[in-house]
Amino acid sequence: MEVYDVMVIGGGPGGYLCAERAAQGGLKAILFEGTHMGGTCLNEGCVPTKTFLHSAKLYRHAAASSAFGVTSENVTLDHAAVVKRKGQVVKKLVMGVEATMKAHKIEVIRASAQIAGRRDGNFEVIADGTTYAGHRLVIASGSESAVPPIPGVKEGLASGLVVTNREILDVKELPKELVVIGGGVIGLEMACYFATVGVPVTVIEMMDKIAGDTDPEICKVLTDDYKKRGLKIKTSCKVLEVTGDAVIYEEKGERQEAKCDMALLSTGRRPATAGLGLETLGIEMDRAAVVTDRHMCTNVAGVYAVGDCNGKLMLAHTAYREAEVAVNHMLGIPDEMRYEVVPAVIYTDPEVASVGESKASAEAKGMTVKEVKLPLGVSGRYAAENQSGRGFIKLIVDTDRNRLAGCQMVGSYASEIIMTATMMVDTELPPERLKKLVFPHPTVAEGIREAIFQI
């Protein structure tokens, strides 16, 4: 039996990049994937949702362009065409991942894998009836939609009334009325798309605000903007039941009903680790999540876990970095994860992005900080491209250490601009040095420069 240097279970961002980096480091790698290369991100999450949102943005701009001197009539959106293009984009990128595996001579087994313990010092994995052995093992099994025990949800999933992020991306016809159960990132991005193209949408969120732990002031901007577009936001509401044509929820102690012909279940995700055979190795778990340290090591030497399966930060770019850290540990290269400098983005319109500490999180840790807030309207490009908008940037400065500790922003291009702030937080350069950086003009990113000069 051939023995591999690295066996990777899962072909998502963490898994395929781990195999690629291992091969680049001279290790012989094998990867197991039972469904689609690219994982949730490429097939059911990050990429397909962005194709939807880009179409919605084009539609909105075309339908409301008169303020910019452009007149358009009879603007329509063909949802079936949007879905078709999404499929083309996904197919192209999946083929790219497959080509990368082939170029690095990584063996790919298109079957689900199960850990079968250890023998003769090597880990063993069974896939499609064949046993494989390797010196090291990487768990990159990803995550799955969490299905809460709400009466009627399972029946709704079976009938098609209730869908997850997977099914809604393949619906060829727009629903007449959509209810989104959960106001987190996935729910908001889909709500933004469907509301923009004319579908009546109601978002029901159990917490007192949408967008999770996003800065409350940013959440208010989003909420106000969505409501102006006709989107109904119901916070501090508990879903009680899903019927054949409605979602029943409790609001201020009273039973309410939101009619719909489709309900998107967006109540979070959980690590997909059941049935992998992790117990055969005695791997430490925190409920469904594999416990790892900052080198991505588990409690079993030679076993790593990257991506959503470790439950740290369920973001594709986190998985990429975790994969690199894991391989560097295998190769003896000093490296570790710094979760505190991983940026986060909500790709709605307007976009939201953040990195590092907020004022509240910093003060909760006992840090002495100064918050600087500046409207994005100080940017000439932002003013030129936005007829109106409440976009802004917040910088959080650690005054004791004289460094930038965090940044939050809402507005155009936030997803692209946040990397500038991420580098500032990561490098820990003092504001005096950051003020010497030259930003191209006019750019929306200049808002960060202007904010730095307010420190």
Foldseek 3Di string as FASTA:
>chain_A
DDAFAEEEEAQALLRLLLCLVLLVVVTAYEYEAQDAHHPCCLQQHVQLLVLLQVQLVVQLCQVPVVVVVDDDPPRADQQLVSLVVSVVRSVVVSVVSVVSCVVSVYHYHNFHKAWDADDPCWTWIDTPRDIHTYNFYEYAQAWDADDDPAAPQVVCVVVVQEDESNVVSNDRDQWQEEEEEAQAQSSVSVLLSNLSNPHAYEYEHQAQFHHPPADPVVRVQVVVVSVVSNHHYHYNKAFHHDDCFWTWIADPNDIDIDGTSHYYYHPDIAAPQPRRHPVSHPWDDDVQAGDADQLQDTPGPRYGYAACRNVDDNDSVRSNVSSVSNSCVVVVHDDGDDQQLDKDWRVHVFIKIKGFDDPVRCVVVVFDKDKFKDFLCVFPVQVSVDVDGRKMKIWIARVVLQFTGMMIITGPPCVPLVVVVSVRNVVRDHLVVVLPDDDDPRDSNCRVNVRSVVD
